[in-house]
Structure formats: structure tokens, C-alpha cells
Amino acid sequence: MAGKIYKKEYRKLVRRLKQARLETGMTQTQVSKRLRKCQSYISKIESGELMVDILTLKEMAKIYKKSIDFFIN
């Protein structure tokens, strides 16, 4: 599908972001409100259409109570 980011490492990061969100029981809307972003921003990150920047990743790690290593290793 056009517009998706297909690097293996990034797909792993995306899977772990979604996994962490689901483990916390949060919806994309709840996460987006905490980040002060729209829900579609989270959706695009989780679908691989948009790359997450390091500052947002750091905030998401805090929200999900995970270390950044969980997402990148």
C-alpha cells in the first residue's frame, strides 16, 4: 500500500507501540488527548503512514510506562 513505511525496524517499533497501547487498555483517542494531538495522528503512526519523532516516542513511553528500549530493541 502506498504511503506506508516498510523498513523492518520501523515495523517492529509500530507493532510495539500498538501493543503497549493495547496493554494499557487505552484507545487511540485517549493517547492522542494526552499527547495533545488528533486521533488520526496516532492512527497514522500505528499504521506506518507517519514516522514518530523521538520526542513523541519519549512521551508515549511515559504514557505506556515502558522504557524507550522496549520500542527500539
N, C-alpha and C. Protein backbone atom coordinates (compact mmCIF):
# COMPACT_ATOMS: atom_id res chain seq x y z
N MET A 1 0.84 -1.19 0.00
CA MET A 1 0.00 0.00 0.00
C MET A 1 0.88 1.24 0.00
N ALA A 2 0.60 2.18 -0.85
CA ALA A 2 1.39 3.40 -0.96
C ALA A 2 1.30 4.21 0.33
N GLY A 3 2.40 4.88 0.66
CA GLY A 3 2.42 5.74 1.82
C GLY A 3 2.84 5.06 3.11
N LYS A 4 3.02 3.78 3.08
CA LYS A 4 3.44 3.06 4.28
C LYS A 4 4.96 3.03 4.38
N ILE A 5 5.44 2.97 5.60
CA ILE A 5 6.87 2.89 5.86
C ILE A 5 7.18 1.42 6.08
N TYR A 6 8.02 0.84 5.23
CA TYR A 6 8.21 -0.60 5.24
C TYR A 6 9.54 -1.10 5.81
N LYS A 7 10.33 -0.26 6.38
CA LYS A 7 11.58 -0.73 6.98
C LYS A 7 11.26 -1.69 8.11
N LYS A 8 11.98 -2.79 8.13
CA LYS A 8 11.74 -3.84 9.12
C LYS A 8 11.80 -3.30 10.55
N GLU A 9 12.78 -2.49 10.85
CA GLU A 9 12.95 -1.95 12.19
C GLU A 9 11.79 -1.06 12.58
N TYR A 10 11.30 -0.28 11.62
CA TYR A 10 10.20 0.62 11.94
C TYR A 10 8.90 -0.17 12.13
N ARG A 11 8.71 -1.21 11.35
CA ARG A 11 7.51 -2.05 11.53
C ARG A 11 7.49 -2.64 12.94
N LYS A 12 8.66 -3.04 13.43
CA LYS A 12 8.77 -3.57 14.79
C LYS A 12 8.38 -2.50 15.81
N LEU A 13 8.89 -1.30 15.63
CA LEU A 13 8.55 -0.19 16.53
C LEU A 13 7.05 0.05 16.53
N VAL A 14 6.44 0.07 15.36
CA VAL A 14 5.00 0.31 15.23
C VAL A 14 4.21 -0.78 15.95
N ARG A 15 4.61 -2.03 15.75
CA ARG A 15 3.92 -3.14 16.43
C ARG A 15 4.00 -2.98 17.95
N ARG A 16 5.15 -2.59 18.42
CA ARG A 16 5.33 -2.45 19.87
C ARG A 16 4.57 -1.24 20.42
N LEU A 17 4.47 -0.18 19.65
CA LEU A 17 3.67 0.96 20.09
C LEU A 17 2.21 0.56 20.26
N LYS A 18 1.70 -0.13 19.27
CA LYS A 18 0.30 -0.56 19.35
C LYS A 18 0.11 -1.58 20.49
N GLN A 19 1.04 -2.51 20.61
CA GLN A 19 0.98 -3.50 21.69
C GLN A 19 0.95 -2.82 23.05
N ALA A 20 1.83 -1.85 23.25
CA ALA A 20 1.90 -1.14 24.53
C ALA A 20 0.60 -0.40 24.81
N ARG A 21 0.04 0.23 23.78
CA ARG A 21 -1.23 0.94 23.96
C ARG A 21 -2.33 -0.02 24.36
N LEU A 22 -2.42 -1.15 23.67
CA LEU A 22 -3.45 -2.13 23.98
C LEU A 22 -3.26 -2.73 25.38
N GLU A 23 -2.02 -2.94 25.77
CA GLU A 23 -1.74 -3.47 27.11
C GLU A 23 -2.20 -2.52 28.21
N THR A 24 -2.15 -1.23 27.93
CA THR A 24 -2.61 -0.26 28.93
C THR A 24 -4.12 -0.10 28.91
N GLY A 25 -4.76 -0.66 27.87
CA GLY A 25 -6.21 -0.54 27.76
C GLY A 25 -6.66 0.81 27.25
N MET A 26 -5.75 1.56 26.66
CA MET A 26 -6.08 2.90 26.17
C MET A 26 -6.51 2.85 24.71
N THR A 27 -7.38 3.78 24.35
CA THR A 27 -7.76 3.94 22.96
C THR A 27 -6.81 4.94 22.30
N GLN A 28 -6.85 4.98 20.98
CA GLN A 28 -6.05 5.98 20.27
C GLN A 28 -6.48 7.39 20.68
N THR A 29 -7.75 7.58 20.90
CA THR A 29 -8.26 8.89 21.30
C THR A 29 -7.70 9.31 22.66
N GLN A 30 -7.65 8.38 23.60
CA GLN A 30 -7.12 8.70 24.93
C GLN A 30 -5.64 9.08 24.85
N VAL A 31 -4.89 8.35 24.05
CA VAL A 31 -3.47 8.65 23.88
C VAL A 31 -3.30 10.00 23.20
N SER A 32 -4.08 10.23 22.17
CA SER A 32 -3.96 11.50 21.43
C SER A 32 -4.25 12.69 22.33
N LYS A 33 -5.21 12.57 23.22
CA LYS A 33 -5.50 13.68 24.15
C LYS A 33 -4.33 13.94 25.08
N ARG A 34 -3.69 12.88 25.55
CA ARG A 34 -2.54 13.05 26.44
C ARG A 34 -1.37 13.70 25.71
N LEU A 35 -1.26 13.42 24.41
CA LEU A 35 -0.18 14.00 23.60
C LEU A 35 -0.55 15.35 22.99
N ARG A 36 -1.81 15.73 23.16
CA ARG A 36 -2.34 16.96 22.55
C ARG A 36 -2.24 16.91 21.03
N LYS A 37 -2.60 15.76 20.48
CA LYS A 37 -2.61 15.54 19.04
C LYS A 37 -4.00 15.02 18.67
N CYS A 38 -4.29 14.97 17.38
CA CYS A 38 -5.57 14.39 16.96
C CYS A 38 -5.45 12.87 16.90
N GLN A 39 -6.58 12.19 16.97
CA GLN A 39 -6.59 10.73 16.96
C GLN A 39 -5.98 10.18 15.69
N SER A 40 -6.18 10.86 14.58
CA SER A 40 -5.64 10.37 13.31
C SER A 40 -4.11 10.35 13.31
N TYR A 41 -3.49 11.18 14.11
CA TYR A 41 -2.04 11.18 14.26
C TYR A 41 -1.57 9.84 14.81
N ILE A 42 -2.23 9.36 15.85
CA ILE A 42 -1.89 8.07 16.44
C ILE A 42 -2.18 6.94 15.45
N SER A 43 -3.30 7.03 14.79
CA SER A 43 -3.67 6.03 13.79
C SER A 43 -2.63 5.94 12.69
N LYS A 44 -2.17 7.07 12.20
CA LYS A 44 -1.17 7.07 11.13
C LYS A 44 0.17 6.52 11.61
N ILE A 45 0.54 6.78 12.83
CA ILE A 45 1.76 6.20 13.38
C ILE A 45 1.62 4.69 13.45
N GLU A 46 0.50 4.22 14.01
CA GLU A 46 0.30 2.79 14.19
C GLU A 46 0.11 2.03 12.88
N SER A 47 -0.29 2.72 11.83
CA SER A 47 -0.45 2.06 10.54
C SER A 47 0.81 2.17 9.68
N GLY A 48 1.79 2.93 10.15
CA GLY A 48 3.05 3.07 9.42
C GLY A 48 3.02 4.15 8.36
N GLU A 49 2.00 4.98 8.37
CA GLU A 49 1.91 6.07 7.39
C GLU A 49 2.71 7.29 7.81
N LEU A 50 3.00 7.39 9.09
CA LEU A 50 3.70 8.56 9.63
C LEU A 50 4.76 8.06 10.59
N MET A 51 5.94 8.63 10.50
CA MET A 51 7.01 8.25 11.42
C MET A 51 6.90 9.06 12.71
N VAL A 52 7.09 8.37 13.81
CA VAL A 52 7.05 9.03 15.11
C VAL A 52 8.40 9.68 15.38
N ASP A 53 8.38 10.89 15.88
CA ASP A 53 9.65 11.55 16.21
C ASP A 53 10.07 11.14 17.63
N ILE A 54 11.33 11.35 17.94
CA ILE A 54 11.89 10.87 19.20
C ILE A 54 11.23 11.50 20.43
N LEU A 55 10.84 12.76 20.34
CA LEU A 55 10.20 13.41 21.48
C LEU A 55 8.82 12.81 21.74
N THR A 56 8.08 12.52 20.68
CA THR A 56 6.78 11.88 20.84
C THR A 56 6.94 10.46 21.34
N LEU A 57 7.94 9.75 20.84
CA LEU A 57 8.21 8.40 21.33
C LEU A 57 8.50 8.41 22.83
N LYS A 58 9.26 9.39 23.26
CA LYS A 58 9.58 9.52 24.68
C LYS A 58 8.31 9.73 25.50
N GLU A 59 7.41 10.58 25.01
CA GLU A 59 6.15 10.83 25.71
C GLU A 59 5.26 9.58 25.71
N MET A 60 5.23 8.87 24.60
CA MET A 60 4.43 7.65 24.52
C MET A 60 4.98 6.60 25.49
N ALA A 61 6.28 6.50 25.59
CA ALA A 61 6.89 5.56 26.53
C ALA A 61 6.45 5.88 27.96
N LYS A 62 6.38 7.15 28.30
CA LYS A 62 5.91 7.55 29.64
C LYS A 62 4.45 7.15 29.83
N ILE A 63 3.63 7.45 28.83
CA ILE A 63 2.20 7.12 28.92
C ILE A 63 2.00 5.62 29.10
N TYR A 64 2.76 4.83 28.36
CA TYR A 64 2.61 3.37 28.39
C TYR A 64 3.43 2.71 29.49
N LYS A 65 4.18 3.53 30.24
CA LYS A 65 5.03 3.03 31.34
C LYS A 65 6.01 1.97 30.85
N LYS A 66 6.67 2.30 29.74
CA LYS A 66 7.68 1.42 29.14
C LYS A 66 8.95 2.24 28.93
N SER A 67 10.08 1.55 28.87
CA SER A 67 11.32 2.25 28.52
C SER A 67 11.37 2.39 27.01
N ILE A 68 12.11 3.35 26.53
CA ILE A 68 12.27 3.52 25.09
C ILE A 68 12.92 2.27 24.49
N ASP A 69 13.75 1.60 25.26
CA ASP A 69 14.37 0.36 24.78
C ASP A 69 13.34 -0.68 24.36
N PHE A 70 12.20 -0.71 25.03
CA PHE A 70 11.14 -1.66 24.68
C PHE A 70 10.73 -1.48 23.21
N PHE A 71 10.73 -0.26 22.75
CA PHE A 71 10.26 0.04 21.40
C PHE A 71 11.34 -0.10 20.34
N ILE A 72 12.59 0.13 20.71
CA ILE A 72 13.62 0.17 19.68
C ILE A 72 14.56 -1.02 19.66
N ASN A 73 14.49 -1.88 20.66
CA ASN A 73 15.35 -3.08 20.69
C ASN A 73 14.56 -4.33 20.41
